[in-house]
Amino acid sequence: MASTTLLINDQLPEQILQAALQLYLKHGLKKVTMDDVSKVIGKSRSAIYYYYKNRDEIFDAVMEMLIRDIMDEVRLAVDKGGSTEEKLKIFCLAKVKISEEKSGVFAAMEAGMNVDEISRHATTLTAVHKKLMKAESDLLAAVFAEGVGRREVRPMKPNDLERVIFILLSSIRGIRREMKQDNDFSELKPTVDTLMAMAMHWMKS
């Protein structure tokens, strides 16, 4: 019985975050209270306060959860690739696809918020962006390390590796932003193919 109770308690933080996320999507961040979350999961407010002190802590934890979910999905896609170039192409395509899927989540969270409220959460969102960039950079560094081991790309100095990762991440974000503006992703794959061909040429030379 004790082990069952422990398992339930271990699952409670995840249940809290999933409930909060669904409420954000339905009502927007501004309108979601601790009472709302407690009602959804069928637990008292004190049970929620045991893990999260306030709404801001829940919001921060939900953002962390989203980062984990995004990266898990990207890694799963990349792992299916064979060569270094193929893995990089898969990363870029998956990054755009998942970013588009998640963009509605962030838009829904800001629903009903005024400028000051959006500004207060901008710091958290900036931190989320930096953490996501770090996770993506670590994944790409692992792909390159594997590529070096298989002699598909040349060894690079740390500064060169950091620079090429920054260029790739910035490029794919810029590509997504421009295509989203026109609401036309029909040229995404050939664009990524061209980007990777240029990157691989430099990394092999």
N, C-alpha and C. Protein backbone atom coordinates (compact mmCIF):
# COMPACT_ATOMS: atom_id res chain seq x y z
N MET A 1 0.83 -1.21 0.00
CA MET A 1 0.00 0.00 0.00
C MET A 1 0.86 1.26 0.00
N ALA A 2 1.95 1.19 0.79
CA ALA A 2 2.84 2.35 0.88
C ALA A 2 3.47 2.65 -0.46
N SER A 3 3.87 1.58 -1.19
CA SER A 3 4.49 1.78 -2.50
C SER A 3 3.52 2.41 -3.49
N THR A 4 2.23 2.01 -3.40
CA THR A 4 1.21 2.57 -4.27
C THR A 4 1.02 4.05 -3.99
N THR A 5 0.99 4.41 -2.70
CA THR A 5 0.85 5.82 -2.31
C THR A 5 2.02 6.63 -2.79
N LEU A 6 3.24 6.03 -2.69
CA LEU A 6 4.44 6.72 -3.15
C LEU A 6 4.38 6.98 -4.65
N LEU A 7 3.91 5.97 -5.40
CA LEU A 7 3.80 6.11 -6.84
C LEU A 7 2.83 7.22 -7.21
N ILE A 8 1.69 7.27 -6.52
CA ILE A 8 0.70 8.31 -6.77
C ILE A 8 1.30 9.68 -6.50
N ASN A 9 2.04 9.82 -5.37
CA ASN A 9 2.65 11.10 -5.03
C ASN A 9 3.71 11.50 -6.05
N ASP A 10 4.45 10.50 -6.56
CA ASP A 10 5.46 10.78 -7.57
C ASP A 10 4.83 11.30 -8.85
N GLN A 11 3.62 10.86 -9.12
CA GLN A 11 2.93 11.28 -10.34
C GLN A 11 2.21 12.61 -10.19
N LEU A 12 2.00 13.04 -8.97
CA LEU A 12 1.21 14.25 -8.73
C LEU A 12 1.80 15.51 -9.36
N PRO A 13 3.12 15.76 -9.25
CA PRO A 13 3.67 16.96 -9.89
C PRO A 13 3.39 17.00 -11.39
N GLU A 14 3.53 15.86 -12.06
CA GLU A 14 3.25 15.78 -13.49
C GLU A 14 1.77 16.05 -13.76
N GLN A 15 0.90 15.51 -12.91
CA GLN A 15 -0.54 15.73 -13.07
C GLN A 15 -0.88 17.21 -12.90
N ILE A 16 -0.22 17.85 -11.96
CA ILE A 16 -0.45 19.28 -11.72
C ILE A 16 -0.06 20.08 -12.97
N LEU A 17 1.09 19.77 -13.53
CA LEU A 17 1.58 20.52 -14.69
C LEU A 17 0.73 20.27 -15.92
N GLN A 18 0.32 19.04 -16.12
CA GLN A 18 -0.53 18.73 -17.27
C GLN A 18 -1.89 19.43 -17.14
N ALA A 19 -2.42 19.45 -15.93
CA ALA A 19 -3.70 20.12 -15.69
C ALA A 19 -3.56 21.62 -15.94
N ALA A 20 -2.46 22.21 -15.44
CA ALA A 20 -2.22 23.64 -15.63
C ALA A 20 -2.10 23.97 -17.12
N LEU A 21 -1.38 23.13 -17.84
CA LEU A 21 -1.19 23.38 -19.27
C LEU A 21 -2.52 23.35 -20.01
N GLN A 22 -3.36 22.38 -19.71
CA GLN A 22 -4.67 22.30 -20.37
C GLN A 22 -5.54 23.50 -20.02
N LEU A 23 -5.43 23.97 -18.80
CA LEU A 23 -6.19 25.16 -18.39
C LEU A 23 -5.66 26.41 -19.10
N TYR A 24 -4.33 26.51 -19.25
CA TYR A 24 -3.75 27.63 -19.98
C TYR A 24 -4.29 27.67 -21.41
N LEU A 25 -4.33 26.49 -22.03
CA LEU A 25 -4.78 26.41 -23.42
C LEU A 25 -6.25 26.79 -23.55
N LYS A 26 -7.02 26.48 -22.53
CA LYS A 26 -8.46 26.73 -22.59
C LYS A 26 -8.82 28.16 -22.19
N HIS A 27 -8.15 28.67 -21.15
CA HIS A 27 -8.55 29.96 -20.59
C HIS A 27 -7.49 31.05 -20.70
N GLY A 28 -6.25 30.68 -21.03
CA GLY A 28 -5.17 31.65 -21.00
C GLY A 28 -4.52 31.66 -19.63
N LEU A 29 -3.28 32.06 -19.56
CA LEU A 29 -2.52 32.03 -18.31
C LEU A 29 -3.15 32.91 -17.23
N LYS A 30 -3.62 34.08 -17.61
CA LYS A 30 -4.10 35.07 -16.65
C LYS A 30 -5.25 34.55 -15.80
N LYS A 31 -6.14 33.76 -16.39
CA LYS A 31 -7.37 33.38 -15.71
C LYS A 31 -7.26 32.09 -14.90
N VAL A 32 -6.11 31.44 -14.94
CA VAL A 32 -5.95 30.15 -14.25
C VAL A 32 -5.45 30.37 -12.83
N THR A 33 -6.18 29.83 -11.86
CA THR A 33 -5.81 29.96 -10.45
C THR A 33 -5.41 28.61 -9.88
N MET A 34 -4.86 28.64 -8.67
CA MET A 34 -4.50 27.40 -7.98
C MET A 34 -5.76 26.57 -7.71
N ASP A 35 -6.87 27.25 -7.44
CA ASP A 35 -8.14 26.54 -7.22
C ASP A 35 -8.56 25.78 -8.46
N ASP A 36 -8.37 26.40 -9.63
CA ASP A 36 -8.73 25.74 -10.89
C ASP A 36 -7.94 24.45 -11.07
N VAL A 37 -6.66 24.53 -10.78
CA VAL A 37 -5.80 23.35 -10.94
C VAL A 37 -6.20 22.25 -9.96
N SER A 38 -6.48 22.64 -8.72
CA SER A 38 -6.85 21.65 -7.70
C SER A 38 -8.15 20.94 -8.07
N LYS A 39 -9.07 21.66 -8.66
CA LYS A 39 -10.34 21.06 -9.07
C LYS A 39 -10.14 20.03 -10.19
N VAL A 40 -9.27 20.36 -11.13
CA VAL A 40 -9.04 19.46 -12.26
C VAL A 40 -8.42 18.15 -11.81
N ILE A 41 -7.46 18.21 -10.90
CA ILE A 41 -6.77 16.98 -10.48
C ILE A 41 -7.44 16.32 -9.28
N GLY A 42 -8.46 16.99 -8.72
CA GLY A 42 -9.18 16.39 -7.60
C GLY A 42 -8.37 16.33 -6.32
N LYS A 43 -7.48 17.30 -6.12
CA LYS A 43 -6.66 17.37 -4.92
C LYS A 43 -6.84 18.72 -4.24
N SER A 44 -6.51 18.78 -2.97
CA SER A 44 -6.63 20.03 -2.23
C SER A 44 -5.54 21.01 -2.66
N ARG A 45 -5.77 22.28 -2.36
CA ARG A 45 -4.76 23.28 -2.66
C ARG A 45 -3.48 23.01 -1.90
N SER A 46 -3.59 22.50 -0.68
CA SER A 46 -2.40 22.22 0.12
C SER A 46 -1.52 21.17 -0.56
N ALA A 47 -2.13 20.23 -1.27
CA ALA A 47 -1.36 19.22 -1.98
C ALA A 47 -0.54 19.86 -3.10
N ILE A 48 -1.13 20.87 -3.75
CA ILE A 48 -0.42 21.58 -4.82
C ILE A 48 0.69 22.44 -4.23
N TYR A 49 0.39 23.12 -3.13
CA TYR A 49 1.37 24.00 -2.49
C TYR A 49 2.58 23.22 -1.98
N TYR A 50 2.41 21.93 -1.76
CA TYR A 50 3.53 21.10 -1.30
C TYR A 50 4.63 21.07 -2.38
N TYR A 51 4.22 21.14 -3.65
CA TYR A 51 5.17 21.08 -4.75
C TYR A 51 5.47 22.45 -5.36
N TYR A 52 4.46 23.31 -5.40
CA TYR A 52 4.61 24.62 -6.04
C TYR A 52 4.02 25.70 -5.14
N LYS A 53 4.82 26.72 -4.87
CA LYS A 53 4.42 27.74 -3.90
C LYS A 53 3.35 28.69 -4.44
N ASN A 54 3.34 28.89 -5.74
CA ASN A 54 2.40 29.85 -6.32
C ASN A 54 2.21 29.58 -7.81
N ARG A 55 1.39 30.41 -8.45
CA ARG A 55 1.09 30.26 -9.88
C ARG A 55 2.33 30.41 -10.74
N ASP A 56 3.22 31.32 -10.34
CA ASP A 56 4.44 31.55 -11.13
C ASP A 56 5.32 30.31 -11.15
N GLU A 57 5.43 29.62 -10.02
CA GLU A 57 6.24 28.40 -9.98
C GLU A 57 5.64 27.31 -10.88
N ILE A 58 4.32 27.24 -10.90
CA ILE A 58 3.67 26.26 -11.79
C ILE A 58 3.95 26.62 -13.24
N PHE A 59 3.83 27.90 -13.57
CA PHE A 59 4.10 28.34 -14.94
C PHE A 59 5.53 28.01 -15.35
N ASP A 60 6.50 28.30 -14.48
CA ASP A 60 7.90 28.00 -14.79
C ASP A 60 8.09 26.50 -15.01
N ALA A 61 7.45 25.70 -14.17
CA ALA A 61 7.59 24.24 -14.29
C ALA A 61 6.93 23.73 -15.57
N VAL A 62 5.82 24.33 -15.95
CA VAL A 62 5.17 23.96 -17.21
C VAL A 62 6.10 24.25 -18.39
N MET A 63 6.79 25.39 -18.35
CA MET A 63 7.74 25.73 -19.40
C MET A 63 8.87 24.71 -19.47
N GLU A 64 9.37 24.31 -18.31
CA GLU A 64 10.42 23.29 -18.27
C GLU A 64 9.92 21.97 -18.87
N MET A 65 8.69 21.64 -18.57
CA MET A 65 8.09 20.42 -19.10
C MET A 65 7.99 20.48 -20.62
N LEU A 66 7.61 21.65 -21.15
CA LEU A 66 7.50 21.81 -22.59
C LEU A 66 8.85 21.65 -23.27
N ILE A 67 9.90 22.19 -22.65
CA ILE A 67 11.25 22.03 -23.19
C ILE A 67 11.63 20.56 -23.26
N ARG A 68 11.36 19.84 -22.18
CA ARG A 68 11.68 18.40 -22.16
C ARG A 68 10.91 17.66 -23.25
N ASP A 69 9.65 17.99 -23.38
CA ASP A 69 8.81 17.31 -24.38
C ASP A 69 9.32 17.60 -25.80
N ILE A 70 9.65 18.86 -26.04
CA ILE A 70 10.15 19.26 -27.36
C ILE A 70 11.44 18.51 -27.69
N MET A 71 12.38 18.52 -26.74
CA MET A 71 13.67 17.90 -26.99
C MET A 71 13.56 16.38 -27.11
N ASP A 72 12.69 15.77 -26.33
CA ASP A 72 12.48 14.32 -26.45
C ASP A 72 11.99 13.96 -27.84
N GLU A 73 11.08 14.78 -28.36
CA GLU A 73 10.53 14.53 -29.69
C GLU A 73 11.59 14.74 -30.77
N VAL A 74 12.40 15.79 -30.62
CA VAL A 74 13.45 16.06 -31.60
C VAL A 74 14.50 14.95 -31.57
N ARG A 75 14.91 14.54 -30.38
CA ARG A 75 15.92 13.47 -30.26
C ARG A 75 15.42 12.17 -30.89
N LEU A 76 14.17 11.87 -30.64
CA LEU A 76 13.59 10.65 -31.20
C LEU A 76 13.66 10.67 -32.72
N ALA A 77 13.38 11.82 -33.31
CA ALA A 77 13.44 11.96 -34.76
C ALA A 77 14.87 11.85 -35.26
N VAL A 78 15.79 12.56 -34.61
CA VAL A 78 17.20 12.58 -35.04
C VAL A 78 17.82 11.20 -34.95
N ASP A 79 17.47 10.45 -33.93
CA ASP A 79 18.04 9.11 -33.75
C ASP A 79 17.73 8.17 -34.91
N LYS A 80 16.71 8.50 -35.68
CA LYS A 80 16.33 7.65 -36.82
C LYS A 80 17.21 7.92 -38.04
N GLY A 81 17.99 8.99 -37.98
CA GLY A 81 18.85 9.32 -39.10
C GLY A 81 20.07 8.43 -39.17
N GLY A 82 20.68 8.36 -40.35
CA GLY A 82 21.87 7.54 -40.53
C GLY A 82 23.13 8.37 -40.48
N SER A 83 23.43 9.08 -41.56
CA SER A 83 24.63 9.90 -41.64
C SER A 83 24.47 11.20 -40.86
N THR A 84 25.60 11.88 -40.69
CA THR A 84 25.56 13.17 -40.01
C THR A 84 24.67 14.16 -40.75
N GLU A 85 24.81 14.21 -42.07
CA GLU A 85 24.00 15.14 -42.87
C GLU A 85 22.52 14.81 -42.74
N GLU A 86 22.19 13.54 -42.75
CA GLU A 86 20.79 13.15 -42.62
C GLU A 86 20.24 13.53 -41.25
N LYS A 87 21.03 13.32 -40.21
CA LYS A 87 20.60 13.68 -38.86
C LYS A 87 20.36 15.18 -38.74
N LEU A 88 21.23 15.97 -39.36
CA LEU A 88 21.09 17.43 -39.31
C LEU A 88 19.84 17.88 -40.06
N LYS A 89 19.58 17.26 -41.20
CA LYS A 89 18.36 17.60 -41.95
C LYS A 89 17.11 17.26 -41.13
N ILE A 90 17.13 16.09 -40.53
CA ILE A 90 15.98 15.67 -39.71
C ILE A 90 15.79 16.63 -38.55
N PHE A 91 16.91 17.04 -37.93
CA PHE A 91 16.82 18.00 -36.82
C PHE A 91 16.12 19.28 -37.27
N CYS A 92 16.56 19.83 -38.39
CA CYS A 92 15.99 21.10 -38.86
C CYS A 92 14.51 20.97 -39.18
N LEU A 93 14.15 19.91 -39.88
CA LEU A 93 12.74 19.71 -40.26
C LEU A 93 11.88 19.47 -39.02
N ALA A 94 12.39 18.67 -38.08
CA ALA A 94 11.64 18.40 -36.86
C ALA A 94 11.50 19.66 -36.02
N LYS A 95 12.56 20.47 -36.00
CA LYS A 95 12.53 21.71 -35.23
C LYS A 95 11.43 22.65 -35.73
N VAL A 96 11.34 22.79 -37.04
CA VAL A 96 10.31 23.66 -37.61
C VAL A 96 8.92 23.09 -37.34
N LYS A 97 8.75 21.80 -37.57
CA LYS A 97 7.46 21.15 -37.37
C LYS A 97 6.98 21.29 -35.93
N ILE A 98 7.84 20.99 -34.98
CA ILE A 98 7.45 21.03 -33.58
C ILE A 98 7.22 22.46 -33.12
N SER A 99 8.05 23.38 -33.61
CA SER A 99 7.88 24.80 -33.25
C SER A 99 6.52 25.32 -33.72
N GLU A 100 6.12 24.90 -34.91
CA GLU A 100 4.81 25.31 -35.41
C GLU A 100 3.70 24.72 -34.57
N GLU A 101 3.87 23.47 -34.18
CA GLU A 101 2.85 22.81 -33.36
C GLU A 101 2.72 23.47 -31.98
N LYS A 102 3.84 23.92 -31.44
CA LYS A 102 3.84 24.50 -30.10
C LYS A 102 3.52 26.00 -30.09
N SER A 103 3.58 26.63 -31.25
CA SER A 103 3.36 28.09 -31.28
C SER A 103 1.97 28.45 -30.76
N GLY A 104 0.99 27.60 -31.04
CA GLY A 104 -0.36 27.84 -30.55
C GLY A 104 -0.46 27.77 -29.04
N VAL A 105 0.41 26.96 -28.43
CA VAL A 105 0.42 26.83 -26.97
C VAL A 105 0.80 28.16 -26.34
N PHE A 106 1.87 28.77 -26.83
CA PHE A 106 2.33 30.02 -26.26
C PHE A 106 1.35 31.17 -26.54
N ALA A 107 0.74 31.14 -27.71
CA ALA A 107 -0.26 32.17 -28.03
C ALA A 107 -1.46 32.06 -27.10
N ALA A 108 -1.88 30.82 -26.82
CA ALA A 108 -3.02 30.61 -25.94
C ALA A 108 -2.72 31.05 -24.53
N MET A 109 -1.49 30.84 -24.09
CA MET A 109 -1.11 31.24 -22.74
C MET A 109 -1.22 32.75 -22.55
N GLU A 110 -0.91 33.50 -23.60
CA GLU A 110 -0.92 34.96 -23.50
C GLU A 110 -2.30 35.55 -23.71
N ALA A 111 -3.28 34.71 -24.00
CA ALA A 111 -4.64 35.20 -24.26
C ALA A 111 -5.17 35.97 -23.05
N GLY A 112 -5.68 37.15 -23.30
CA GLY A 112 -6.29 37.94 -22.23
C GLY A 112 -5.31 38.74 -21.39
N MET A 113 -4.00 38.59 -21.66
CA MET A 113 -3.01 39.32 -20.88
C MET A 113 -2.79 40.71 -21.48
N ASN A 114 -2.59 41.68 -20.60
CA ASN A 114 -2.28 43.02 -21.09
C ASN A 114 -0.76 43.14 -21.29
N VAL A 115 -0.32 44.29 -21.76
CA VAL A 115 1.09 44.48 -22.10
C VAL A 115 1.99 44.28 -20.88
N ASP A 116 1.57 44.82 -19.72
CA ASP A 116 2.39 44.69 -18.51
C ASP A 116 2.53 43.23 -18.09
N GLU A 117 1.45 42.49 -18.19
CA GLU A 117 1.48 41.08 -17.79
C GLU A 117 2.34 40.26 -18.74
N ILE A 118 2.25 40.54 -20.02
CA ILE A 118 3.10 39.85 -21.00
C ILE A 118 4.56 40.19 -20.73
N SER A 119 4.82 41.45 -20.39
CA SER A 119 6.19 41.88 -20.11
C SER A 119 6.75 41.15 -18.89
N ARG A 120 5.92 40.93 -17.87
CA ARG A 120 6.39 40.24 -16.66
C ARG A 120 6.80 38.82 -16.97
N HIS A 121 6.11 38.19 -17.91
CA HIS A 121 6.43 36.80 -18.25
C HIS A 121 7.50 36.72 -19.33
N ALA A 122 7.89 37.87 -19.88
CA ALA A 122 8.91 37.88 -20.94
C ALA A 122 10.24 37.35 -20.41
N THR A 123 10.54 37.66 -19.15
CA THR A 123 11.79 37.18 -18.56
C THR A 123 11.83 35.66 -18.52
N THR A 124 10.70 35.07 -18.13
CA THR A 124 10.62 33.60 -18.10
C THR A 124 10.75 33.02 -19.50
N LEU A 125 10.05 33.63 -20.46
CA LEU A 125 10.09 33.13 -21.83
C LEU A 125 11.48 33.26 -22.44
N THR A 126 12.21 34.33 -22.06
CA THR A 126 13.59 34.49 -22.52
C THR A 126 14.47 33.39 -21.95
N ALA A 127 14.26 33.07 -20.67
CA ALA A 127 15.01 31.99 -20.04
C ALA A 127 14.69 30.65 -20.69
N VAL A 128 13.42 30.45 -21.05
CA VAL A 128 13.01 29.23 -21.73
C VAL A 128 13.73 29.11 -23.07
N HIS A 129 13.79 30.21 -23.81
CA HIS A 129 14.47 30.22 -25.10
C HIS A 129 15.94 29.84 -24.95
N LYS A 130 16.60 30.39 -23.94
CA LYS A 130 18.02 30.11 -23.72
C LYS A 130 18.25 28.64 -23.35
N LYS A 131 17.35 28.10 -22.52
CA LYS A 131 17.47 26.69 -22.12
C LYS A 131 17.24 25.77 -23.32
N LEU A 132 16.29 26.16 -24.17
CA LEU A 132 16.02 25.36 -25.36
C LEU A 132 17.20 25.41 -26.32
N MET A 133 17.79 26.60 -26.48
CA MET A 133 18.98 26.75 -27.32
C MET A 133 20.13 25.89 -26.80
N LYS A 134 20.29 25.85 -25.47
CA LYS A 134 21.36 25.05 -24.87
C LYS A 134 21.11 23.57 -25.13
N ALA A 135 19.87 23.12 -24.97
CA ALA A 135 19.55 21.71 -25.20
C ALA A 135 19.76 21.33 -26.66
N GLU A 136 19.35 22.23 -27.56
CA GLU A 136 19.53 21.98 -28.99
C GLU A 136 21.01 21.96 -29.36
N SER A 137 21.78 22.88 -28.76
CA SER A 137 23.21 22.93 -29.02
C SER A 137 23.91 21.65 -28.56
N ASP A 138 23.52 21.16 -27.40
CA ASP A 138 24.11 19.92 -26.88
C ASP A 138 23.80 18.74 -27.81
N LEU A 139 22.56 18.71 -28.33
CA LEU A 139 22.18 17.63 -29.23
C LEU A 139 23.00 17.70 -30.52
N LEU A 140 23.14 18.88 -31.09
CA LEU A 140 23.91 19.03 -32.32
C LEU A 140 25.39 18.71 -32.08
N ALA A 141 25.92 19.10 -30.94
CA ALA A 141 27.31 18.78 -30.61
C ALA A 141 27.52 17.27 -30.57
N ALA A 142 26.54 16.55 -30.04
CA ALA A 142 26.63 15.08 -30.00
C ALA A 142 26.59 14.50 -31.41
N VAL A 143 25.75 15.08 -32.27
CA VAL A 143 25.67 14.62 -33.66
C VAL A 143 27.01 14.84 -34.36
N PHE A 144 27.62 16.01 -34.14
CA PHE A 144 28.91 16.30 -34.77
C PHE A 144 30.01 15.39 -34.23
N ALA A 145 29.99 15.12 -32.93
CA ALA A 145 31.00 14.24 -32.34
C ALA A 145 30.91 12.85 -32.95
N GLU A 146 29.68 12.39 -33.15
CA GLU A 146 29.48 11.09 -33.80
C GLU A 146 29.98 11.13 -35.24
N GLY A 147 29.73 12.25 -35.91
CA GLY A 147 30.18 12.41 -37.29
C GLY A 147 31.69 12.42 -37.41
N VAL A 148 32.35 13.04 -36.45
CA VAL A 148 33.82 13.05 -36.44
C VAL A 148 34.34 11.63 -36.26
N GLY A 149 33.72 10.88 -35.34
CA GLY A 149 34.12 9.50 -35.11
C GLY A 149 33.99 8.63 -36.34
N ARG A 150 33.00 8.96 -37.18
CA ARG A 150 32.80 8.18 -38.41
C ARG A 150 33.49 8.83 -39.62
N ARG A 151 34.24 9.90 -39.35
CA ARG A 151 35.00 10.62 -40.37
C ARG A 151 34.10 11.22 -41.46
N GLU A 152 32.90 11.59 -41.07
CA GLU A 152 31.98 12.25 -42.00
C GLU A 152 32.16 13.76 -41.97
N VAL A 153 32.68 14.27 -40.86
CA VAL A 153 33.02 15.69 -40.75
C VAL A 153 34.39 15.78 -40.08
N ARG A 154 35.07 16.88 -40.33
CA ARG A 154 36.40 17.06 -39.76
C ARG A 154 36.31 17.48 -38.29
N PRO A 155 37.33 17.18 -37.51
CA PRO A 155 37.35 17.68 -36.13
C PRO A 155 37.37 19.21 -36.12
N MET A 156 36.68 19.80 -35.18
CA MET A 156 36.62 21.25 -35.09
C MET A 156 37.07 21.73 -33.73
N LYS A 157 37.68 22.91 -33.70
CA LYS A 157 38.02 23.54 -32.44
C LYS A 157 36.71 23.93 -31.73
N PRO A 158 36.74 24.00 -30.40
CA PRO A 158 35.51 24.34 -29.66
C PRO A 158 34.82 25.61 -30.16
N ASN A 159 35.61 26.65 -30.47
CA ASN A 159 35.01 27.90 -30.94
C ASN A 159 34.35 27.72 -32.31
N ASP A 160 34.99 26.93 -33.18
CA ASP A 160 34.41 26.68 -34.50
C ASP A 160 33.12 25.87 -34.38
N LEU A 161 33.12 24.87 -33.50
CA LEU A 161 31.92 24.05 -33.29
C LEU A 161 30.79 24.90 -32.74
N GLU A 162 31.09 25.73 -31.77
CA GLU A 162 30.07 26.60 -31.19
C GLU A 162 29.51 27.56 -32.23
N ARG A 163 30.40 28.04 -33.10
CA ARG A 163 29.97 28.99 -34.13
C ARG A 163 29.06 28.34 -35.16
N VAL A 164 29.42 27.15 -35.62
CA VAL A 164 28.62 26.49 -36.65
C VAL A 164 27.26 26.06 -36.10
N ILE A 165 27.23 25.67 -34.83
CA ILE A 165 25.95 25.32 -34.19
C ILE A 165 25.07 26.56 -34.09
N PHE A 166 25.66 27.68 -33.71
CA PHE A 166 24.90 28.93 -33.62
C PHE A 166 24.34 29.33 -34.98
N ILE A 167 25.16 29.19 -36.02
CA ILE A 167 24.71 29.54 -37.38
C ILE A 167 23.55 28.65 -37.80
N LEU A 168 23.66 27.35 -37.54
CA LEU A 168 22.59 26.42 -37.94
C LEU A 168 21.29 26.73 -37.20
N LEU A 169 21.38 26.93 -35.89
CA LEU A 169 20.17 27.21 -35.10
C LEU A 169 19.54 28.54 -35.50
N SER A 170 20.37 29.55 -35.70
CA SER A 170 19.85 30.86 -36.11
C SER A 170 19.24 30.79 -37.50
N SER A 171 19.87 30.02 -38.39
CA SER A 171 19.37 29.90 -39.76
C SER A 171 18.00 29.24 -39.80
N ILE A 172 17.86 28.15 -39.09
CA ILE A 172 16.58 27.42 -39.15
C ILE A 172 15.47 28.23 -38.49
N ARG A 173 15.80 29.02 -37.46
CA ARG A 173 14.78 29.89 -36.87
C ARG A 173 14.39 31.00 -37.85
N GLY A 174 15.38 31.53 -38.56
CA GLY A 174 15.08 32.56 -39.54
C GLY A 174 14.25 32.02 -40.70
N ILE A 175 14.59 30.83 -41.15
CA ILE A 175 13.82 30.19 -42.24
C ILE A 175 12.38 29.99 -41.82
N ARG A 176 12.19 29.46 -40.61
CA ARG A 176 10.82 29.24 -40.12
C ARG A 176 10.05 30.55 -40.01
N ARG A 177 10.70 31.59 -39.49
CA ARG A 177 10.02 32.87 -39.31
C ARG A 177 9.57 33.46 -40.64
N GLU A 178 10.44 33.40 -41.64
CA GLU A 178 10.10 33.97 -42.95
C GLU A 178 8.99 33.17 -43.63
N MET A 179 9.08 31.86 -43.54
CA MET A 179 8.04 31.03 -44.17
C MET A 179 6.71 31.15 -43.45
N LYS A 180 6.78 31.32 -42.14
CA LYS A 180 5.54 31.48 -41.36
C LYS A 180 4.87 32.79 -41.72
N GLN A 181 5.67 33.81 -41.98
CA GLN A 181 5.10 35.11 -42.34
C GLN A 181 4.27 35.00 -43.61
N ASP A 182 4.73 34.17 -44.55
CA ASP A 182 3.98 33.97 -45.81
C ASP A 182 3.02 32.79 -45.71
N ASN A 183 3.06 32.10 -44.56
CA ASN A 183 2.22 30.91 -44.36
C ASN A 183 2.41 29.90 -45.49
N ASP A 184 3.67 29.70 -45.86
CA ASP A 184 3.99 28.79 -46.96
C ASP A 184 5.30 28.05 -46.63
N PHE A 185 5.19 26.76 -46.29
CA PHE A 185 6.35 25.95 -45.95
C PHE A 185 6.68 24.94 -47.06
N SER A 186 6.17 25.18 -48.26
CA SER A 186 6.36 24.24 -49.36
C SER A 186 7.82 24.09 -49.76
N GLU A 187 8.61 25.14 -49.52
CA GLU A 187 10.02 25.10 -49.90
C GLU A 187 10.93 24.74 -48.73
N LEU A 188 10.35 24.27 -47.64
CA LEU A 188 11.16 24.00 -46.45
C LEU A 188 12.23 22.93 -46.70
N LYS A 189 11.82 21.79 -47.26
CA LYS A 189 12.77 20.69 -47.44
C LYS A 189 13.92 21.07 -48.38
N PRO A 190 13.65 21.61 -49.58
CA PRO A 190 14.78 21.99 -50.44
C PRO A 190 15.65 23.09 -49.82
N THR A 191 15.03 23.97 -49.02
CA THR A 191 15.81 25.02 -48.36
C THR A 191 16.75 24.40 -47.33
N VAL A 192 16.23 23.45 -46.55
CA VAL A 192 17.06 22.75 -45.55
C VAL A 192 18.15 21.95 -46.26
N ASP A 193 17.82 21.32 -47.38
CA ASP A 193 18.82 20.57 -48.14
C ASP A 193 19.97 21.48 -48.57
N THR A 194 19.63 22.67 -49.03
CA THR A 194 20.66 23.63 -49.46
C THR A 194 21.51 24.09 -48.28
N LEU A 195 20.86 24.40 -47.17
CA LEU A 195 21.57 24.82 -45.97
C LEU A 195 22.55 23.75 -45.51
N MET A 196 22.09 22.50 -45.49
CA MET A 196 22.94 21.41 -45.04
C MET A 196 24.08 21.14 -46.01
N ALA A 197 23.82 21.29 -47.32
CA ALA A 197 24.88 21.09 -48.31
C ALA A 197 26.01 22.11 -48.09
N MET A 198 25.64 23.36 -47.82
CA MET A 198 26.65 24.40 -47.55
C MET A 198 27.39 24.10 -46.25
N ALA A 199 26.65 23.70 -45.22
CA ALA A 199 27.26 23.42 -43.92
C ALA A 199 28.21 22.23 -44.03
N MET A 200 27.78 21.16 -44.68
CA MET A 200 28.60 19.97 -44.81
C MET A 200 29.85 20.25 -45.63
N HIS A 201 29.74 21.09 -46.66
CA HIS A 201 30.92 21.46 -47.47
C HIS A 201 31.97 22.11 -46.58
N TRP A 202 31.55 23.00 -45.71
CA TRP A 202 32.49 23.68 -44.81
C TRP A 202 33.06 22.71 -43.79
N MET A 203 32.20 21.83 -43.27
CA MET A 203 32.65 20.92 -42.21
C MET A 203 33.52 19.78 -42.72
N LYS A 204 33.52 19.57 -44.02
CA LYS A 204 34.38 18.53 -44.60
C LYS A 204 35.70 19.10 -45.11
N SER A 205 35.72 20.41 -45.35
CA SER A 205 36.92 21.03 -45.97
C SER A 205 38.01 21.27 -44.94
